[in-house]
Structures are given as structure tokens and as C-alpha cells.
């Protein structure tokens, strides 16, 4: 896969600390930056997914697809018993 150079300015003391940690892991500066960018992208994907799931959940609430706390607690309380109940379904 082709790659591009990414440039950015960081304080020198932060760069030195970053490189020291990278060296302890046996990483070159380039490999450490790639690792950092991959981690950032993965983190942002999780945030984006969480936001989308939140919007979906809010739409469900607005549509009235909810259960009372008593219904959910009754279902959860039945877990592991001989009379285990099926999950409430909207």
C-alpha cells in the first residue's frame, strides 16, 4: 500500500519522550507515528459508532420502543432459574 509523509509540530520535550517510548518498544520514529495514527483512527471509529448507536437508541425511545424498569428487572431476575423468561421484545 502506498504511503504518504505526515508532518506536524509538537513540543520538543514531548517528541523526545515519544521517541524514548518508541525506542523501548523497538520502534522507529516512522513506525511509532504509524502506530499512533492507527490508534487514533480506531479510537475515532469507536466514537463514531457509539454516536450512531446513541442516535439509533434515541430514535427507538422517540418511537416508544421502550420497556419499564420493572419489566427489565423481572426478566433479568429470572436469569439462571428454571423459570427463565424470554427477553422483552418491542
PDB file of N, CA and C in Angstrom:
ATOM      1  N   UNK A   1       0.847  -1.165   0.000  1.00  0.00           N
ATOM      2  CA  UNK A   1       0.000   0.000   0.000  1.00  0.00           C
ATOM      3  C   UNK A   1       0.900   1.239   0.000  1.00  0.00           C
ATOM      4  N   UNK A   2       0.612   2.199  -0.876  1.00  0.00           N
ATOM      5  CA  UNK A   2       1.429   3.407  -0.906  1.00  0.00           C
ATOM      6  C   UNK A   2       1.272   4.181   0.404  1.00  0.00           C
ATOM      7  N   UNK A   3       2.289   4.926   0.735  1.00  0.00           N
ATOM      8  CA  UNK A   3       2.222   5.715   1.966  1.00  0.00           C
ATOM      9  C   UNK A   3       2.592   7.160   1.672  1.00  0.00           C
ATOM     10  N   UNK A   4       2.205   8.033   2.565  1.00  0.00           N
ATOM     11  CA  UNK A   4       2.488   9.462   2.456  1.00  0.00           C
ATOM     12  C   UNK A   4       3.169   9.915   3.735  1.00  0.00           C
ATOM     13  N   UNK A   5       3.938  10.940   3.628  1.00  0.00           N
ATOM     14  CA  UNK A   5       4.588  11.525   4.801  1.00  0.00           C
ATOM     15  C   UNK A   5       3.586  12.436   5.505  1.00  0.00           C
ATOM     16  N   UNK A   6       3.506  12.286   6.820  1.00  0.00           N
ATOM     17  CA  UNK A   6       2.657  13.130   7.646  1.00  0.00           C
ATOM     18  C   UNK A   6       3.578  14.012   8.479  1.00  0.00           C
ATOM     19  N   UNK A   7       3.301  15.293   8.462  1.00  0.00           N
ATOM     20  CA  UNK A   7       4.145  16.218   9.222  1.00  0.00           C
ATOM     21  C   UNK A   7       3.298  16.960  10.237  1.00  0.00           C
ATOM     22  N   UNK A   8       3.895  17.256  11.336  1.00  0.00           N
ATOM     23  CA  UNK A   8       3.215  18.028  12.362  1.00  0.00           C
ATOM     24  C   UNK A   8       4.230  18.557  13.357  1.00  0.00           C
ATOM     25  N   UNK A   9       3.855  19.601  14.025  1.00  0.00           N
ATOM     26  CA  UNK A   9       4.743  20.186  15.028  1.00  0.00           C
ATOM     27  C   UNK A   9       4.275  19.790  16.423  1.00  0.00           C
ATOM     28  N   UNK A  10       5.208  19.340  17.220  1.00  0.00           N
ATOM     29  CA  UNK A  10       4.950  19.036  18.625  1.00  0.00           C
ATOM     30  C   UNK A  10       6.094  19.635  19.439  1.00  0.00           C
ATOM     31  N   UNK A  11       5.829  19.954  20.697  1.00  0.00           N
ATOM     32  CA  UNK A  11       6.910  20.468  21.534  1.00  0.00           C
ATOM     33  C   UNK A  11       8.067  19.468  21.601  1.00  0.00           C
ATOM     34  N   UNK A  12       9.282  19.970  21.620  1.00  0.00           N
ATOM     35  CA  UNK A  12      10.474  19.121  21.585  1.00  0.00           C
ATOM     36  C   UNK A  12      10.501  18.142  22.758  1.00  0.00           C
ATOM     37  N   UNK A  13      10.111  18.586  23.948  1.00  0.00           N
ATOM     38  CA  UNK A  13      10.140  17.672  25.095  1.00  0.00           C
ATOM     39  C   UNK A  13       9.163  16.507  24.901  1.00  0.00           C
ATOM     40  N   UNK A  14       8.013  16.769  24.288  1.00  0.00           N
ATOM     41  CA  UNK A  14       7.045  15.719  24.007  1.00  0.00           C
ATOM     42  C   UNK A  14       7.597  14.759  22.954  1.00  0.00           C
ATOM     43  N   UNK A  15       8.246  15.295  21.931  1.00  0.00           N
ATOM     44  CA  UNK A  15       8.852  14.456  20.881  1.00  0.00           C
ATOM     45  C   UNK A  15       9.909  13.539  21.479  1.00  0.00           C
ATOM     46  N   UNK A  16      10.747  14.074  22.354  1.00  0.00           N
ATOM     47  CA  UNK A  16      11.801  13.262  22.976  1.00  0.00           C
ATOM     48  C   UNK A  16      11.195  12.127  23.801  1.00  0.00           C
ATOM     49  N   UNK A  17      10.159  12.447  24.557  1.00  0.00           N
ATOM     50  CA  UNK A  17       9.513  11.417  25.366  1.00  0.00           C
ATOM     51  C   UNK A  17       8.863  10.362  24.475  1.00  0.00           C
ATOM     52  N   UNK A  18       8.197  10.812  23.409  1.00  0.00           N
ATOM     53  CA  UNK A  18       7.571   9.906  22.435  1.00  0.00           C
ATOM     54  C   UNK A  18       8.613   8.965  21.844  1.00  0.00           C
ATOM     55  N   UNK A  19       9.756   9.524  21.413  1.00  0.00           N
ATOM     56  CA  UNK A  19      10.810   8.702  20.812  1.00  0.00           C
ATOM     57  C   UNK A  19      11.417   7.736  21.825  1.00  0.00           C
ATOM     58  N   UNK A  20      11.510   8.149  23.073  1.00  0.00           N
ATOM     59  CA  UNK A  20      12.047   7.261  24.106  1.00  0.00           C
ATOM     60  C   UNK A  20      11.127   6.060  24.303  1.00  0.00           C
ATOM     61  N   UNK A  21       9.813   6.314  24.360  1.00  0.00           N
ATOM     62  CA  UNK A  21       8.869   5.203  24.479  1.00  0.00           C
ATOM     63  C   UNK A  21       8.924   4.309  23.247  1.00  0.00           C
ATOM     64  N   UNK A  22       9.014   4.912  22.072  1.00  0.00           N
ATOM     65  CA  UNK A  22       9.093   4.139  20.829  1.00  0.00           C
ATOM     66  C   UNK A  22      10.324   3.252  20.838  1.00  0.00           C
ATOM     67  N   UNK A  23      11.455   3.808  21.257  1.00  0.00           N
ATOM     68  CA  UNK A  23      12.705   3.046  21.282  1.00  0.00           C
ATOM     69  C   UNK A  23      12.603   1.857  22.235  1.00  0.00           C
ATOM     70  N   UNK A  24      11.938   2.051  23.380  1.00  0.00           N
ATOM     71  CA  UNK A  24      11.769   0.947  24.333  1.00  0.00           C
ATOM     72  C   UNK A  24      10.968  -0.201  23.722  1.00  0.00           C
ATOM     73  N   UNK A  25      10.110   0.122  22.771  1.00  0.00           N
ATOM     74  CA  UNK A  25       9.302  -0.894  22.094  1.00  0.00           C
ATOM     75  C   UNK A  25       9.981  -1.412  20.827  1.00  0.00           C
ATOM     76  N   UNK A  26      11.165  -0.894  20.539  1.00  0.00           N
ATOM     77  CA  UNK A  26      11.885  -1.314  19.342  1.00  0.00           C
ATOM     78  C   UNK A  26      11.317  -0.724  18.068  1.00  0.00           C
ATOM     79  N   UNK A  27      10.649   0.435  18.176  1.00  0.00           N
ATOM     80  CA  UNK A  27      10.026   1.060  17.016  1.00  0.00           C
ATOM     81  C   UNK A  27      10.844   2.240  16.524  1.00  0.00           C
ATOM     82  N   UNK A  28      10.892   2.382  15.217  1.00  0.00           N
ATOM     83  CA  UNK A  28      11.479   3.590  14.644  1.00  0.00           C
ATOM     84  C   UNK A  28      10.477   4.731  14.826  1.00  0.00           C
ATOM     85  N   UNK A  29      10.919   5.950  14.588  1.00  0.00           N
ATOM     86  CA  UNK A  29      10.007   7.083  14.696  1.00  0.00           C
ATOM     87  C   UNK A  29       8.848   6.914  13.719  1.00  0.00           C
ATOM     88  N   UNK A  30       9.155   6.481  12.508  1.00  0.00           N
ATOM     89  CA  UNK A  30       8.119   6.296  11.494  1.00  0.00           C
ATOM     90  C   UNK A  30       7.108   5.230  11.928  1.00  0.00           C
ATOM     91  N   UNK A  31       7.602   4.107  12.427  1.00  0.00           N
ATOM     92  CA  UNK A  31       6.714   3.031  12.862  1.00  0.00           C
ATOM     93  C   UNK A  31       5.869   3.474  14.054  1.00  0.00           C
ATOM     94  N   UNK A  32       6.444   4.248  14.959  1.00  0.00           N
ATOM     95  CA  UNK A  32       5.710   4.725  16.120  1.00  0.00           C
ATOM     96  C   UNK A  32       4.612   5.701  15.706  1.00  0.00           C
ATOM     97  N   UNK A  33       4.901   6.565  14.749  1.00  0.00           N
ATOM     98  CA  UNK A  33       3.882   7.506  14.268  1.00  0.00           C
ATOM     99  C   UNK A  33       2.767   6.739  13.576  1.00  0.00           C
ATOM    100  N   UNK A  34       3.121   5.732  12.786  1.00  0.00           N
ATOM    101  CA  UNK A  34       2.091   4.922  12.128  1.00  0.00           C
ATOM    102  C   UNK A  34       1.210   4.231  13.169  1.00  0.00           C
ATOM    103  N   UNK A  35       1.818   3.690  14.206  1.00  0.00           N
ATOM    104  CA  UNK A  35       1.086   3.047  15.295  1.00  0.00           C
ATOM    105  C   UNK A  35       0.141   4.051  15.959  1.00  0.00           C
ATOM    106  N   UNK A  36       0.643   5.254  16.180  1.00  0.00           N
ATOM    107  CA  UNK A  36      -0.142   6.313  16.803  1.00  0.00           C
ATOM    108  C   UNK A  36      -1.343   6.692  15.940  1.00  0.00           C
ATOM    109  N   UNK A  37      -1.123   6.860  14.649  1.00  0.00           N
ATOM    110  CA  UNK A  37      -2.207   7.241  13.739  1.00  0.00           C
ATOM    111  C   UNK A  37      -3.253   6.125  13.662  1.00  0.00           C
ATOM    112  N   UNK A  38      -2.812   4.879  13.588  1.00  0.00           N
ATOM    113  CA  UNK A  38      -3.758   3.758  13.555  1.00  0.00           C
ATOM    114  C   UNK A  38      -4.608   3.742  14.816  1.00  0.00           C
ATOM    115  N   UNK A  39      -3.976   3.977  15.956  1.00  0.00           N
ATOM    116  CA  UNK A  39      -4.710   4.007  17.217  1.00  0.00           C
ATOM    117  C   UNK A  39      -5.723   5.130  17.261  1.00  0.00           C
ATOM    118  N   UNK A  40      -5.337   6.292  16.746  1.00  0.00           N
ATOM    119  CA  UNK A  40      -6.236   7.441  16.718  1.00  0.00           C
ATOM    120  C   UNK A  40      -7.445   7.150  15.827  1.00  0.00           C
ATOM    121  N   UNK A  41      -7.195   6.590  14.654  1.00  0.00           N
ATOM    122  CA  UNK A  41      -8.281   6.275  13.725  1.00  0.00           C
ATOM    123  C   UNK A  41      -9.214   5.229  14.345  1.00  0.00           C
ATOM    124  N   UNK A  42      -8.667   4.207  14.988  1.00  0.00           N
ATOM    125  CA  UNK A  42      -9.502   3.183  15.635  1.00  0.00           C
ATOM    126  C   UNK A  42     -10.342   3.811  16.739  1.00  0.00           C
ATOM    127  N   UNK A  43      -9.758   4.700  17.510  1.00  0.00           N
ATOM    128  CA  UNK A  43     -10.475   5.388  18.586  1.00  0.00           C
ATOM    129  C   UNK A  43     -11.618   6.227  18.016  1.00  0.00           C
ATOM    130  N   UNK A  44     -11.348   6.956  16.951  1.00  0.00           N
ATOM    131  CA  UNK A  44     -12.372   7.802  16.344  1.00  0.00           C
ATOM    132  C   UNK A  44     -13.489   6.970  15.719  1.00  0.00           C
ATOM    133  N   UNK A  45     -13.160   5.797  15.171  1.00  0.00           N
ATOM    134  CA  UNK A  45     -14.193   4.906  14.637  1.00  0.00           C
ATOM    135  C   UNK A  45     -15.125   4.446  15.747  1.00  0.00           C
ATOM    136  N   UNK A  46     -14.549   4.123  16.918  1.00  0.00           N
ATOM    137  CA  UNK A  46     -15.368   3.707  18.050  1.00  0.00           C
ATOM    138  C   UNK A  46     -16.293   4.837  18.491  1.00  0.00           C
ATOM    139  N   UNK A  47     -15.770   6.049  18.548  1.00  0.00           N
ATOM    140  CA  UNK A  47     -16.591   7.193  18.932  1.00  0.00           C
ATOM    141  C   UNK A  47     -17.715   7.392  17.922  1.00  0.00           C
ATOM    142  N   UNK A  48     -17.388   7.300  16.644  1.00  0.00           N
ATOM    143  CA  UNK A  48     -18.396   7.464  15.603  1.00  0.00           C
ATOM    144  C   UNK A  48     -19.471   6.387  15.721  1.00  0.00           C
ATOM    145  N   UNK A  49     -19.059   5.145  15.939  1.00  0.00           N
ATOM    146  CA  UNK A  49     -20.023   4.050  16.083  1.00  0.00           C
ATOM    147  C   UNK A  49     -20.902   4.279  17.306  1.00  0.00           C
ATOM    148  N   UNK A  50     -20.313   4.704  18.416  1.00  0.00           N
ATOM    149  CA  UNK A  50     -21.076   4.963  19.631  1.00  0.00           C
ATOM    150  C   UNK A  50     -22.097   6.073  19.404  1.00  0.00           C
ATOM    151  N   UNK A  51     -21.684   7.108  18.687  1.00  0.00           N
ATOM    152  CA  UNK A  51     -22.609   8.202  18.384  1.00  0.00           C
ATOM    153  C   UNK A  51     -23.782   7.717  17.530  1.00  0.00           C
ATOM    154  N   UNK A  52     -23.482   6.883  16.515  1.00  0.00           N
ATOM    155  CA  UNK A  52     -24.539   6.349  15.661  1.00  0.00           C
ATOM    156  C   UNK A  52     -25.496   5.474  16.466  1.00  0.00           C
ATOM    157  N   UNK A  53     -24.946   4.645  17.359  1.00  0.00           N
ATOM    158  CA  UNK A  53     -25.792   3.785  18.180  1.00  0.00           C
ATOM    159  C   UNK A  53     -26.652   4.611  19.134  1.00  0.00           C
ATOM    160  N   UNK A  54     -26.098   5.700  19.636  1.00  0.00           N
ATOM    161  CA  UNK A  54     -26.867   6.585  20.512  1.00  0.00           C
ATOM    162  C   UNK A  54     -28.032   7.206  19.760  1.00  0.00           C
ATOM    163  N   UNK A  55     -27.767   7.659  18.536  1.00  0.00           N
ATOM    164  CA  UNK A  55     -28.851   8.243  17.731  1.00  0.00           C
ATOM    165  C   UNK A  55     -29.934   7.213  17.430  1.00  0.00           C
ATOM    166  N   UNK A  56     -29.526   5.972  17.147  1.00  0.00           N
ATOM    167  CA  UNK A  56     -30.495   4.900  16.909  1.00  0.00           C
ATOM    168  C   UNK A  56     -31.320   4.636  18.167  1.00  0.00           C
ATOM    169  N   UNK A  57     -30.663   4.620  19.305  1.00  0.00           N
ATOM    170  CA  UNK A  57     -31.376   4.376  20.562  1.00  0.00           C
ATOM    171  C   UNK A  57     -32.357   5.507  20.851  1.00  0.00           C
ATOM    172  N   UNK A  58     -31.948   6.738  20.604  1.00  0.00           N
ATOM    173  CA  UNK A  58     -32.852   7.872  20.819  1.00  0.00           C
ATOM    174  C   UNK A  58     -34.061   7.801  19.887  1.00  0.00           C
ATOM    175  N   UNK A  59     -33.838   7.345  18.663  1.00  0.00           N
ATOM    176  CA  UNK A  59     -34.958   7.173  17.729  1.00  0.00           C
ATOM    177  C   UNK A  59     -35.913   6.101  18.245  1.00  0.00           C
ATOM    178  N   UNK A  60     -35.371   5.031  18.816  1.00  0.00           N
ATOM    179  CA  UNK A  60     -36.219   3.983  19.399  1.00  0.00           C
ATOM    180  C   UNK A  60     -37.052   4.540  20.547  1.00  0.00           C
ATOM    181  N   UNK A  61     -36.422   5.369  21.382  1.00  0.00           N
ATOM    182  CA  UNK A  61     -37.154   5.969  22.509  1.00  0.00           C
ATOM    183  C   UNK A  61     -38.275   6.857  21.982  1.00  0.00           C
ATOM    184  N   UNK A  62     -37.962   7.676  20.988  1.00  0.00           N
ATOM    185  CA  UNK A  62     -38.983   8.561  20.408  1.00  0.00           C
ATOM    186  C   UNK A  62     -40.126   7.759  19.787  1.00  0.00           C
ATOM    187  N   UNK A  63     -39.818   6.571  19.268  1.00  0.00           N
ATOM    188  CA  UNK A  63     -40.839   5.726  18.648  1.00  0.00           C
ATOM    189  C   UNK A  63     -41.603   4.906  19.690  1.00  0.00           C
ATOM    190  N   UNK A  64     -41.223   5.058  20.958  1.00  0.00           N
ATOM    191  CA  UNK A  64     -41.922   4.333  22.017  1.00  0.00           C
ATOM    192  C   UNK A  64     -41.481   2.901  22.180  1.00  0.00           C
ATOM    193  N   UNK A  65     -40.336   2.536  21.622  1.00  0.00           N
ATOM    194  CA  UNK A  65     -39.844   1.161  21.722  1.00  0.00           C
ATOM    195  C   UNK A  65     -39.026   1.003  23.004  1.00  0.00           C
ATOM    196  N   UNK A  66     -39.691   1.105  24.123  1.00  0.00           N
ATOM    197  CA  UNK A  66     -39.025   1.019  25.422  1.00  0.00           C
ATOM    198  C   UNK A  66     -39.775   0.051  26.326  1.00  0.00           C
ATOM    199  N   UNK A  67     -39.143  -0.304  27.429  1.00  0.00           N
ATOM    200  CA  UNK A  67     -39.735  -1.178  28.435  1.00  0.00           C
ATOM    201  C   UNK A  67     -39.580  -0.517  29.787  1.00  0.00           C
ATOM    202  N   UNK A  68     -40.485  -0.811  30.678  1.00  0.00           N
ATOM    203  CA  UNK A  68     -40.387  -0.269  32.028  1.00  0.00           C
ATOM    204  C   UNK A  68     -39.240  -0.954  32.762  1.00  0.00           C
ATOM    205  N   UNK A  69     -38.747  -0.285  33.765  1.00  0.00           N
ATOM    206  CA  UNK A  69     -37.674  -0.862  34.579  1.00  0.00           C
ATOM    207  C   UNK A  69     -38.150  -2.157  35.229  1.00  0.00           C
ATOM    208  N   UNK A  70     -39.388  -2.182  35.657  1.00  0.00           N
ATOM    209  CA  UNK A  70     -39.921  -3.395  36.291  1.00  0.00           C
ATOM    210  C   UNK A  70     -39.909  -4.584  35.332  1.00  0.00           C
ATOM    211  N   UNK A  71     -40.246  -4.342  34.074  1.00  0.00           N
ATOM    212  CA  UNK A  71     -40.237  -5.413  33.073  1.00  0.00           C
ATOM    213  C   UNK A  71     -38.825  -5.959  32.885  1.00  0.00           C
ATOM    214  N   UNK A  72     -37.868  -5.069  32.770  1.00  0.00           N
ATOM    215  CA  UNK A  72     -36.474  -5.489  32.561  1.00  0.00           C
ATOM    216  C   UNK A  72     -35.942  -6.202  33.803  1.00  0.00           C
ATOM    217  N   UNK A  73     -36.203  -5.653  34.986  1.00  0.00           N
ATOM    218  CA  UNK A  73     -35.728  -6.284  36.221  1.00  0.00           C
ATOM    219  C   UNK A  73     -36.356  -7.655  36.424  1.00  0.00           C
ATOM    220  N   UNK A  74     -37.616  -7.791  36.072  1.00  0.00           N
ATOM    221  CA  UNK A  74     -38.290  -9.085  36.171  1.00  0.00           C
ATOM    222  C   UNK A  74     -37.618 -10.101  35.257  1.00  0.00           C
ATOM    223  N   UNK A  75     -37.287  -9.675  34.052  1.00  0.00           N
ATOM    224  CA  UNK A  75     -36.614 -10.560  33.092  1.00  0.00           C
ATOM    225  C   UNK A  75     -35.228 -10.936  33.602  1.00  0.00           C
ATOM    226  N   UNK A  76     -34.447  -9.938  34.034  1.00  0.00           N
ATOM    227  CA  UNK A  76     -33.074 -10.199  34.498  1.00  0.00           C
ATOM    228  C   UNK A  76     -33.094 -11.089  35.738  1.00  0.00           C
ATOM    229  N   UNK A  77     -34.040 -10.871  36.621  1.00  0.00           N
ATOM    230  CA  UNK A  77     -34.133 -11.683  37.843  1.00  0.00           C
ATOM    231  C   UNK A  77     -34.394 -13.151  37.538  1.00  0.00           C
ATOM    232  N   UNK A  78     -34.950 -13.436  36.374  1.00  0.00           N
ATOM    233  CA  UNK A  78     -35.255 -14.829  36.023  1.00  0.00           C
ATOM    234  C   UNK A  78     -34.057 -15.574  35.444  1.00  0.00           C
ATOM    235  N   UNK A  79     -32.989 -14.846  35.126  1.00  0.00           N
ATOM    236  CA  UNK A  79     -31.814 -15.495  34.535  1.00  0.00           C
ATOM    237  C   UNK A  79     -31.273 -16.572  35.468  1.00  0.00           C
ATOM    238  N   UNK A  80     -30.930 -17.709  34.908  1.00  0.00           N
ATOM    239  CA  UNK A  80     -30.314 -18.792  35.668  1.00  0.00           C
ATOM    240  C   UNK A  80     -31.301 -19.597  36.503  1.00  0.00           C
ATOM    241  N   UNK A  81     -32.566 -19.272  36.390  1.00  0.00           N
ATOM    242  CA  UNK A  81     -33.563 -20.041  37.136  1.00  0.00           C
ATOM    243  C   UNK A  81     -34.221 -21.052  36.197  1.00  0.00           C
ATOM    244  N   UNK A  82     -34.974 -21.951  36.776  1.00  0.00           N
ATOM    245  CA  UNK A  82     -35.682 -22.934  35.944  1.00  0.00           C
ATOM    246  C   UNK A  82     -36.842 -22.290  35.203  1.00  0.00           C
ATOM    247  N   UNK A  83     -37.229 -21.101  35.636  1.00  0.00           N
ATOM    248  CA  UNK A  83     -38.355 -20.379  35.018  1.00  0.00           C
ATOM    249  C   UNK A  83     -37.833 -19.131  34.291  1.00  0.00           C
ATOM    250  N   UNK A  84     -36.707 -19.282  33.585  1.00  0.00           N
ATOM    251  CA  UNK A  84     -36.101 -18.125  32.904  1.00  0.00           C
ATOM    252  C   UNK A  84     -37.035 -17.598  31.825  1.00  0.00           C
ATOM    253  N   UNK A  85     -37.205 -16.275  31.824  1.00  0.00           N
ATOM    254  CA  UNK A  85     -38.127 -15.640  30.892  1.00  0.00           C
ATOM    255  C   UNK A  85     -37.395 -15.190  29.623  1.00  0.00           C
ATOM    256  N   UNK A  86     -38.153 -15.100  28.538  1.00  0.00           N
ATOM    257  CA  UNK A  86     -37.588 -14.603  27.286  1.00  0.00           C
ATOM    258  C   UNK A  86     -37.427 -13.103  27.390  1.00  0.00           C
ATOM    259  N   UNK A  87     -36.466 -12.569  26.630  1.00  0.00           N
ATOM    260  CA  UNK A  87     -36.223 -11.117  26.631  1.00  0.00           C
ATOM    261  C   UNK A  87     -37.436 -10.393  26.109  1.00  0.00           C
ATOM    262  N   UNK A  88     -37.759  -9.255  26.723  1.00  0.00           N
ATOM    263  CA  UNK A  88     -38.872  -8.458  26.190  1.00  0.00           C
ATOM    264  C   UNK A  88     -38.516  -7.958  24.795  1.00  0.00           C
ATOM    265  N   UNK A  89     -39.469  -7.998  23.882  1.00  0.00           N
ATOM    266  CA  UNK A  89     -39.238  -7.576  22.504  1.00  0.00           C
ATOM    267  C   UNK A  89     -40.268  -6.509  22.138  1.00  0.00           C
ATOM    268  N   UNK A  90     -39.773  -5.452  21.536  1.00  0.00           N
ATOM    269  CA  UNK A  90     -40.675  -4.349  21.154  1.00  0.00           C
ATOM    270  C   UNK A  90     -41.396  -4.665  19.877  1.00  0.00           C
TER     271      UNK A  90
END
